[in-house]
Protein backbone atom coordinates (compact mmCIF):
# COMPACT_ATOMS: atom_id res chain seq x y z
CA VAL A 1 -30.52 19.03 96.90
CA VAL A 2 -30.04 15.77 98.55
CA GLN A 3 -27.03 14.99 100.88
CA VAL A 4 -26.01 11.31 101.08
CA VAL A 5 -24.14 10.53 104.11
CA GLY A 6 -22.75 7.45 105.98
CA GLN A 7 -19.96 5.37 107.03
CA ILE A 8 -17.66 3.42 104.58
CA GLY A 9 -19.27 0.34 103.64
CA GLU A 10 -22.97 1.38 104.40
CA GLY A 11 -23.82 1.73 100.68
CA ARG A 12 -23.94 5.52 100.48
CA VAL A 13 -22.44 5.44 96.91
CA SER A 14 -25.03 2.91 95.81
CA VAL A 15 -27.73 5.09 97.04
CA LEU A 16 -26.23 8.17 95.17
CA TRP A 17 -26.05 6.12 92.04
CA ALA A 18 -29.56 4.85 92.30
CA LEU A 19 -30.82 8.41 92.75
CA ALA A 20 -28.50 9.61 89.83
CA ARG A 21 -29.89 6.96 87.57
CA ALA A 22 -33.48 8.13 88.29
CA ILE A 23 -32.63 11.70 87.75
CA THR A 24 -30.38 11.21 84.53
CA ALA A 25 -33.22 8.94 83.04
CA GLN A 26 -35.38 12.17 83.15
CA GLN A 27 -32.61 13.78 80.91
CA GLU A 28 -31.77 15.99 84.05
CA TRP A 29 -28.25 16.84 85.40
CA VAL A 30 -26.67 15.53 88.72
CA ALA A 31 -23.93 17.29 90.49
CA VAL A 32 -21.78 15.33 92.97
CA VAL A 33 -20.19 17.67 95.45
CA ASP A 34 -17.53 15.89 97.14
CA THR A 35 -17.12 17.32 100.70
CA ASP A 36 -14.55 16.75 103.44
CA GLN A 37 -13.56 18.59 106.64
CA SER A 38 -10.09 19.75 105.28
CA GLY A 39 -10.56 20.52 101.51
CA LYS A 40 -7.83 17.76 100.82
CA PRO A 41 -8.41 14.32 99.24
CA SER A 42 -9.69 11.77 101.81
CA PRO A 43 -7.36 8.66 101.91
CA HIS A 44 -10.45 6.36 101.85
CA ARG A 45 -11.20 7.48 98.52
CA PHE A 46 -8.09 5.99 96.84
CA ALA A 47 -8.65 2.36 95.72
CA ALA A 48 -4.82 1.63 96.18
CA ALA A 49 -1.65 3.81 96.37
CA GLY A 50 -0.94 5.61 93.21
CA GLN A 51 -4.53 5.31 91.78
CA SER A 52 -7.01 8.13 91.19
CA PRO A 53 -9.88 8.79 93.47
CA SER A 54 -12.74 6.51 92.63
CA TRP A 55 -16.33 7.19 93.03
CA GLY A 56 -17.20 3.95 91.22
CA TRP A 57 -17.98 5.17 87.93
CA VAL A 58 -18.05 1.78 86.30
CA ALA A 59 -20.64 0.90 88.95
CA ALA A 60 -22.49 3.93 88.12
CA ALA A 61 -22.59 3.10 84.47
CA GLU A 62 -23.66 -0.22 85.28
CA ALA A 63 -26.51 1.07 87.38
CA GLY A 64 -27.81 2.95 84.42
CA VAL A 65 -26.43 6.44 85.17
CA ALA A 66 -26.00 8.68 82.22
CA LEU A 67 -22.38 9.76 82.99
CA ASP A 68 -22.53 12.62 80.36
CA ARG A 69 -25.07 14.11 82.75
CA VAL A 70 -23.10 14.01 85.88
CA ALA A 71 -20.80 16.94 87.16
CA LEU A 72 -18.27 16.23 89.77
CA VAL A 73 -16.99 19.10 92.18
CA ARG A 74 -14.14 17.88 94.29
CA HIS A 75 -12.90 18.85 97.65
CA VAL A 76 -15.42 21.22 98.76
CA THR A 77 -14.94 22.39 102.54
CA PRO A 78 -18.09 22.55 104.70
CA SER A 79 -17.82 26.50 104.82
CA ALA A 80 -17.81 26.56 100.83
CA TRP A 81 -20.54 23.77 100.39
CA PRO A 82 -23.56 26.50 100.54
CA THR A 83 -21.80 28.59 97.93
CA VAL A 84 -21.09 25.82 95.66
CA ILE A 85 -24.69 24.40 95.97
CA ASP A 86 -26.10 27.80 95.32
CA MET A 87 -23.83 28.14 92.16
CA ILE A 88 -24.99 24.68 90.82
CA CYS A 89 -28.55 25.33 91.45
CA SER A 90 -28.20 28.77 89.72
CA GLY A 91 -27.10 27.00 86.61
CA ILE A 92 -23.39 28.17 86.74
């Protein structure tokens, strides 16, 4: 389990995709758990009004991430994070 944190523009998503590329290259799975403090979508994750939240999937694919081996779990509150991680690590 690796937690990637940082401010907007500090390259945290680039670090995430670099790690994901290395993991998926070994035919392993990656789970991205999107956390926030409220359980609601964070406004900075929207590229523009009316667009879907963006994790940079095109950039991930261009970085060599095997997208068919990535699972995304959205809007997990901090209190639910341990349970979600436990379920993922248990293979559910």
